[in-house]
Amino acid sequence: MSHLLEDRQKAMFSAYSKRLQGELVTLQLHLGQLGAGGDDDGLREAIRHIAHRLAGSARLFGFNSLTEPAQTVEILVGSQADYLIFKNSVELLANSVERAVAQGPADTSALFQEASTSR
């Protein structure tokens, strides 16, 4: 892989990691609102929106561990799940994001090599 491509890859992962940090802060804020009895459709929809973005983008940037908990939260919003089940799933997602930010992405160089050889 060329140095230019490696530099761009690192910049993309860095930007995504910063985005994850922002998503984590927002999830933690929403969790606090849930804990304070703020369980309503608007709050659940805001959390679903974050989960949807994470489910769609995490694997692309090497954060595979976020996909399943994010998809679970999305499903629970759609099914109007019980408050405690929903809250626990959001906590699991927030914890997963926190770990992912601390650990960084998995090695995704193979994804880029595969994409460049298929052209």
N, C-alpha and C. Protein backbone atom coordinates (compact mmCIF):
# COMPACT_ATOMS: atom_id res chain seq x y z
N MET A 1 0.85 -1.17 0.00
CA MET A 1 0.00 0.00 0.00
C MET A 1 0.90 1.23 0.00
N SER A 2 0.55 2.21 -0.80
CA SER A 2 1.38 3.41 -0.88
C SER A 2 1.28 4.22 0.40
N HIS A 3 2.28 5.06 0.61
CA HIS A 3 2.29 5.90 1.82
C HIS A 3 1.12 6.87 1.81
N LEU A 4 0.76 7.38 0.64
CA LEU A 4 -0.36 8.31 0.55
C LEU A 4 -1.66 7.62 0.97
N LEU A 5 -1.86 6.41 0.50
CA LEU A 5 -3.07 5.66 0.86
C LEU A 5 -3.06 5.32 2.35
N GLU A 6 -1.91 4.94 2.87
CA GLU A 6 -1.80 4.65 4.31
C GLU A 6 -2.11 5.88 5.14
N ASP A 7 -1.62 7.03 4.71
CA ASP A 7 -1.88 8.28 5.43
C ASP A 7 -3.36 8.61 5.40
N ARG A 8 -3.99 8.43 4.25
CA ARG A 8 -5.44 8.69 4.14
C ARG A 8 -6.23 7.72 5.01
N GLN A 9 -5.82 6.47 5.02
CA GLN A 9 -6.49 5.47 5.84
C GLN A 9 -6.40 5.85 7.31
N LYS A 10 -5.21 6.23 7.76
CA LYS A 10 -5.03 6.64 9.16
C LYS A 10 -5.88 7.86 9.49
N ALA A 11 -5.94 8.81 8.57
CA ALA A 11 -6.75 10.01 8.80
C ALA A 11 -8.23 9.66 8.90
N MET A 12 -8.70 8.75 8.04
CA MET A 12 -10.11 8.33 8.11
C MET A 12 -10.42 7.64 9.42
N PHE A 13 -9.54 6.75 9.86
CA PHE A 13 -9.76 6.05 11.11
C PHE A 13 -9.71 7.01 12.30
N SER A 14 -8.82 7.98 12.23
CA SER A 14 -8.73 8.97 13.30
C SER A 14 -10.02 9.79 13.37
N ALA A 15 -10.51 10.21 12.22
CA ALA A 15 -11.75 11.00 12.18
C ALA A 15 -12.92 10.16 12.68
N TYR A 16 -12.96 8.90 12.30
CA TYR A 16 -14.06 8.04 12.77
C TYR A 16 -13.95 7.80 14.27
N SER A 17 -12.76 7.64 14.78
CA SER A 17 -12.58 7.47 16.23
C SER A 17 -13.08 8.69 16.98
N LYS A 18 -12.82 9.87 16.45
CA LYS A 18 -13.32 11.10 17.08
C LYS A 18 -14.84 11.14 17.02
N ARG A 19 -15.39 10.70 15.92
CA ARG A 19 -16.86 10.64 15.80
C ARG A 19 -17.43 9.68 16.83
N LEU A 20 -16.76 8.54 17.02
CA LEU A 20 -17.21 7.58 18.03
C LEU A 20 -17.20 8.20 19.43
N GLN A 21 -16.19 9.00 19.71
CA GLN A 21 -16.13 9.66 21.01
C GLN A 21 -17.33 10.58 21.20
N GLY A 22 -17.71 11.29 20.15
CA GLY A 22 -18.90 12.15 20.20
C GLY A 22 -20.17 11.34 20.38
N GLU A 23 -20.26 10.22 19.67
CA GLU A 23 -21.44 9.35 19.80
C GLU A 23 -21.52 8.79 21.23
N LEU A 24 -20.37 8.48 21.81
CA LEU A 24 -20.34 7.96 23.17
C LEU A 24 -20.87 9.01 24.16
N VAL A 25 -20.42 10.24 24.01
CA VAL A 25 -20.89 11.31 24.90
C VAL A 25 -22.41 11.47 24.78
N THR A 26 -22.90 11.43 23.56
CA THR A 26 -24.35 11.58 23.35
C THR A 26 -25.11 10.39 23.92
N LEU A 27 -24.60 9.17 23.72
CA LEU A 27 -25.25 7.99 24.29
C LEU A 27 -25.28 8.07 25.81
N GLN A 28 -24.18 8.51 26.41
CA GLN A 28 -24.13 8.63 27.87
C GLN A 28 -25.12 9.67 28.37
N LEU A 29 -25.26 10.76 27.64
CA LEU A 29 -26.25 11.78 27.98
C LEU A 29 -27.66 11.20 27.92
N HIS A 30 -27.94 10.48 26.86
CA HIS A 30 -29.26 9.86 26.71
C HIS A 30 -29.50 8.80 27.79
N LEU A 31 -28.45 8.07 28.15
CA LEU A 31 -28.60 7.09 29.23
C LEU A 31 -28.96 7.79 30.54
N GLY A 32 -28.35 8.92 30.80
CA GLY A 32 -28.68 9.69 31.99
C GLY A 32 -30.14 10.12 31.97
N GLN A 33 -30.62 10.52 30.80
CA GLN A 33 -32.02 10.91 30.67
C GLN A 33 -32.94 9.71 30.88
N LEU A 34 -32.54 8.56 30.36
CA LEU A 34 -33.33 7.34 30.59
C LEU A 34 -33.38 7.02 32.08
N GLY A 35 -32.24 7.14 32.74
CA GLY A 35 -32.16 6.84 34.16
C GLY A 35 -32.97 7.79 35.01
N ALA A 36 -33.19 9.00 34.50
CA ALA A 36 -33.96 10.00 35.24
C ALA A 36 -35.45 9.91 34.91
N GLY A 37 -35.84 8.82 34.28
CA GLY A 37 -37.25 8.62 33.96
C GLY A 37 -37.68 9.30 32.68
N GLY A 38 -36.74 9.61 31.82
CA GLY A 38 -37.06 10.29 30.57
C GLY A 38 -37.35 9.37 29.41
N ASP A 39 -37.90 8.21 29.68
CA ASP A 39 -38.17 7.24 28.62
C ASP A 39 -39.37 7.69 27.81
N ASP A 40 -39.09 8.17 26.60
CA ASP A 40 -40.18 8.56 25.71
C ASP A 40 -39.79 8.23 24.28
N ASP A 41 -40.74 8.37 23.37
CA ASP A 41 -40.48 8.01 21.98
C ASP A 41 -39.40 8.86 21.34
N GLY A 42 -39.34 10.14 21.69
CA GLY A 42 -38.32 11.02 21.12
C GLY A 42 -36.91 10.62 21.53
N LEU A 43 -36.75 10.27 22.78
CA LEU A 43 -35.45 9.84 23.29
C LEU A 43 -35.05 8.51 22.66
N ARG A 44 -35.99 7.60 22.60
CA ARG A 44 -35.69 6.31 21.96
C ARG A 44 -35.32 6.50 20.49
N GLU A 45 -36.00 7.40 19.80
CA GLU A 45 -35.69 7.65 18.40
C GLU A 45 -34.30 8.26 18.24
N ALA A 46 -33.91 9.16 19.13
CA ALA A 46 -32.57 9.75 19.08
C ALA A 46 -31.51 8.68 19.29
N ILE A 47 -31.76 7.76 20.20
CA ILE A 47 -30.82 6.66 20.45
C ILE A 47 -30.80 5.71 19.25
N ARG A 48 -31.97 5.44 18.68
CA ARG A 48 -32.04 4.56 17.50
C ARG A 48 -31.24 5.16 16.35
N HIS A 49 -31.29 6.47 16.19
CA HIS A 49 -30.57 7.14 15.11
C HIS A 49 -29.05 6.93 15.27
N ILE A 50 -28.56 7.07 16.49
CA ILE A 50 -27.13 6.83 16.75
C ILE A 50 -26.79 5.37 16.46
N ALA A 51 -27.62 4.46 16.97
CA ALA A 51 -27.38 3.03 16.76
C ALA A 51 -27.38 2.69 15.27
N HIS A 52 -28.28 3.29 14.53
CA HIS A 52 -28.36 3.03 13.09
C HIS A 52 -27.07 3.47 12.39
N ARG A 53 -26.58 4.66 12.73
CA ARG A 53 -25.33 5.14 12.13
C ARG A 53 -24.17 4.22 12.48
N LEU A 54 -24.12 3.78 13.73
CA LEU A 54 -23.03 2.89 14.15
C LEU A 54 -23.13 1.53 13.45
N ALA A 55 -24.33 0.99 13.38
CA ALA A 55 -24.51 -0.31 12.74
C ALA A 55 -24.08 -0.27 11.28
N GLY A 56 -24.31 0.86 10.63
CA GLY A 56 -23.98 0.98 9.22
C GLY A 56 -22.53 1.30 8.92
N SER A 57 -21.84 1.91 9.87
CA SER A 57 -20.48 2.38 9.57
C SER A 57 -19.37 1.68 10.34
N ALA A 58 -19.67 1.09 11.45
CA ALA A 58 -18.62 0.56 12.33
C ALA A 58 -17.73 -0.48 11.64
N ARG A 59 -18.34 -1.42 10.96
CA ARG A 59 -17.56 -2.49 10.32
C ARG A 59 -16.65 -1.93 9.23
N LEU A 60 -17.12 -0.93 8.51
CA LEU A 60 -16.33 -0.33 7.45
C LEU A 60 -15.01 0.23 7.98
N PHE A 61 -15.05 0.72 9.21
CA PHE A 61 -13.86 1.34 9.80
C PHE A 61 -13.13 0.40 10.77
N GLY A 62 -13.48 -0.87 10.76
CA GLY A 62 -12.75 -1.85 11.56
C GLY A 62 -13.24 -1.99 12.99
N PHE A 63 -14.41 -1.45 13.30
CA PHE A 63 -14.97 -1.56 14.64
C PHE A 63 -16.11 -2.58 14.63
N ASN A 64 -15.78 -3.80 14.27
CA ASN A 64 -16.78 -4.87 14.10
C ASN A 64 -17.57 -5.15 15.36
N SER A 65 -16.95 -4.92 16.51
CA SER A 65 -17.62 -5.24 17.78
C SER A 65 -18.82 -4.35 18.07
N LEU A 66 -18.99 -3.29 17.31
CA LEU A 66 -20.11 -2.37 17.55
C LEU A 66 -21.36 -2.74 16.76
N THR A 67 -21.20 -3.53 15.72
CA THR A 67 -22.31 -3.80 14.82
C THR A 67 -23.47 -4.49 15.53
N GLU A 68 -23.20 -5.58 16.22
CA GLU A 68 -24.29 -6.33 16.86
C GLU A 68 -25.01 -5.55 17.95
N PRO A 69 -24.30 -4.93 18.91
CA PRO A 69 -25.04 -4.17 19.91
C PRO A 69 -25.83 -2.99 19.32
N ALA A 70 -25.31 -2.38 18.26
CA ALA A 70 -26.03 -1.29 17.62
C ALA A 70 -27.30 -1.80 16.94
N GLN A 71 -27.19 -2.92 16.26
CA GLN A 71 -28.37 -3.50 15.60
C GLN A 71 -29.42 -3.92 16.63
N THR A 72 -28.98 -4.42 17.77
CA THR A 72 -29.90 -4.82 18.83
C THR A 72 -30.70 -3.62 19.32
N VAL A 73 -30.03 -2.51 19.54
CA VAL A 73 -30.72 -1.29 20.00
C VAL A 73 -31.74 -0.84 18.95
N GLU A 74 -31.34 -0.88 17.69
CA GLU A 74 -32.28 -0.51 16.61
C GLU A 74 -33.53 -1.38 16.66
N ILE A 75 -33.35 -2.67 16.80
CA ILE A 75 -34.48 -3.60 16.83
C ILE A 75 -35.38 -3.33 18.03
N LEU A 76 -34.76 -3.07 19.17
CA LEU A 76 -35.54 -2.84 20.39
C LEU A 76 -36.38 -1.57 20.30
N VAL A 77 -35.87 -0.55 19.63
CA VAL A 77 -36.68 0.66 19.45
C VAL A 77 -37.88 0.33 18.58
N GLY A 78 -37.64 -0.41 17.51
CA GLY A 78 -38.73 -0.77 16.59
C GLY A 78 -39.78 -1.65 17.23
N SER A 79 -39.37 -2.46 18.19
CA SER A 79 -40.32 -3.39 18.83
C SER A 79 -40.93 -2.80 20.09
N GLN A 80 -40.58 -1.56 20.42
CA GLN A 80 -41.07 -0.90 21.63
C GLN A 80 -40.83 -1.78 22.86
N ALA A 81 -39.58 -2.18 23.00
CA ALA A 81 -39.17 -3.10 24.08
C ALA A 81 -39.36 -2.46 25.46
N ASP A 82 -39.45 -3.34 26.43
CA ASP A 82 -39.54 -2.95 27.83
C ASP A 82 -38.40 -2.00 28.18
N TYR A 83 -38.67 -1.05 29.06
CA TYR A 83 -37.71 -0.02 29.46
C TYR A 83 -36.39 -0.60 29.93
N LEU A 84 -36.41 -1.57 30.83
CA LEU A 84 -35.17 -2.11 31.39
C LEU A 84 -34.34 -2.86 30.34
N ILE A 85 -35.01 -3.60 29.49
CA ILE A 85 -34.30 -4.31 28.42
C ILE A 85 -33.64 -3.29 27.49
N PHE A 86 -34.40 -2.26 27.14
CA PHE A 86 -33.87 -1.21 26.26
C PHE A 86 -32.69 -0.50 26.91
N LYS A 87 -32.85 -0.10 28.15
CA LYS A 87 -31.80 0.63 28.87
C LYS A 87 -30.53 -0.22 28.96
N ASN A 88 -30.68 -1.49 29.29
CA ASN A 88 -29.51 -2.38 29.38
C ASN A 88 -28.81 -2.52 28.03
N SER A 89 -29.57 -2.58 26.96
CA SER A 89 -28.98 -2.70 25.63
C SER A 89 -28.24 -1.42 25.23
N VAL A 90 -28.79 -0.27 25.60
CA VAL A 90 -28.11 1.00 25.32
C VAL A 90 -26.83 1.09 26.15
N GLU A 91 -26.87 0.63 27.39
CA GLU A 91 -25.66 0.60 28.22
C GLU A 91 -24.60 -0.30 27.60
N LEU A 92 -25.01 -1.45 27.10
CA LEU A 92 -24.07 -2.36 26.43
C LEU A 92 -23.46 -1.69 25.20
N LEU A 93 -24.27 -1.00 24.42
CA LEU A 93 -23.75 -0.30 23.25
C LEU A 93 -22.77 0.78 23.67
N ALA A 94 -23.11 1.57 24.69
CA ALA A 94 -22.21 2.63 25.16
C ALA A 94 -20.90 2.04 25.65
N ASN A 95 -20.96 0.93 26.39
CA ASN A 95 -19.74 0.27 26.86
C ASN A 95 -18.91 -0.26 25.69
N SER A 96 -19.59 -0.77 24.67
CA SER A 96 -18.88 -1.27 23.48
C SER A 96 -18.18 -0.13 22.75
N VAL A 97 -18.85 1.01 22.64
CA VAL A 97 -18.23 2.17 21.99
C VAL A 97 -17.02 2.64 22.80
N GLU A 98 -17.17 2.68 24.11
CA GLU A 98 -16.06 3.10 24.97
C GLU A 98 -14.85 2.18 24.79
N ARG A 99 -15.07 0.87 24.76
CA ARG A 99 -13.97 -0.08 24.55
C ARG A 99 -13.36 0.09 23.16
N ALA A 100 -14.22 0.28 22.16
CA ALA A 100 -13.73 0.42 20.79
C ALA A 100 -12.85 1.66 20.64
N VAL A 101 -13.25 2.75 21.27
CA VAL A 101 -12.44 3.97 21.21
C VAL A 101 -11.10 3.74 21.89
N ALA A 102 -11.11 3.04 23.02
CA ALA A 102 -9.86 2.78 23.75
C ALA A 102 -8.93 1.84 22.98
N GLN A 103 -9.50 0.84 22.30
CA GLN A 103 -8.70 -0.18 21.62
C GLN A 103 -8.32 0.22 20.20
N GLY A 104 -9.13 1.04 19.56
CA GLY A 104 -8.88 1.40 18.17
C GLY A 104 -9.44 0.34 17.24
N PRO A 105 -9.36 0.61 15.94
CA PRO A 105 -9.93 -0.32 14.96
C PRO A 105 -9.11 -1.59 14.81
N ALA A 106 -9.77 -2.62 14.31
CA ALA A 106 -9.07 -3.85 13.93
C ALA A 106 -8.24 -3.54 12.69
N ASP A 107 -7.36 -4.44 12.34
CA ASP A 107 -6.54 -4.25 11.15
C ASP A 107 -7.44 -4.37 9.91
N THR A 108 -7.58 -3.29 9.19
CA THR A 108 -8.44 -3.29 8.01
C THR A 108 -7.64 -3.15 6.72
N SER A 109 -6.36 -3.32 6.79
CA SER A 109 -5.54 -3.17 5.58
C SER A 109 -5.95 -4.17 4.51
N ALA A 110 -6.41 -5.35 4.91
CA ALA A 110 -6.84 -6.34 3.93
C ALA A 110 -8.05 -5.85 3.14
N LEU A 111 -8.94 -5.10 3.77
CA LEU A 111 -10.09 -4.55 3.07
C LEU A 111 -9.65 -3.61 1.96
N PHE A 112 -8.68 -2.75 2.25
CA PHE A 112 -8.20 -1.81 1.26
C PHE A 112 -7.44 -2.51 0.15
N GLN A 113 -6.68 -3.54 0.49
CA GLN A 113 -5.95 -4.29 -0.54
C GLN A 113 -6.92 -5.02 -1.45
N GLU A 114 -7.97 -5.61 -0.88
CA GLU A 114 -8.96 -6.32 -1.66
C GLU A 114 -9.67 -5.36 -2.60
N ALA A 115 -10.03 -4.18 -2.10
CA ALA A 115 -10.72 -3.19 -2.93
C ALA A 115 -9.85 -2.71 -4.07
N SER A 116 -8.56 -2.51 -3.80
CA SER A 116 -7.67 -2.00 -4.85
C SER A 116 -7.35 -3.05 -5.89
N THR A 117 -7.36 -4.34 -5.55
CA THR A 117 -7.06 -5.39 -6.52
C THR A 117 -8.29 -5.77 -7.34
N SER A 118 -9.49 -5.42 -6.87
CA SER A 118 -10.69 -5.78 -7.61
C SER A 118 -11.02 -4.78 -8.71
N ARG A 119 -10.25 -3.70 -8.81
CA ARG A 119 -10.51 -2.67 -9.83
C ARG A 119 -9.82 -2.97 -11.10
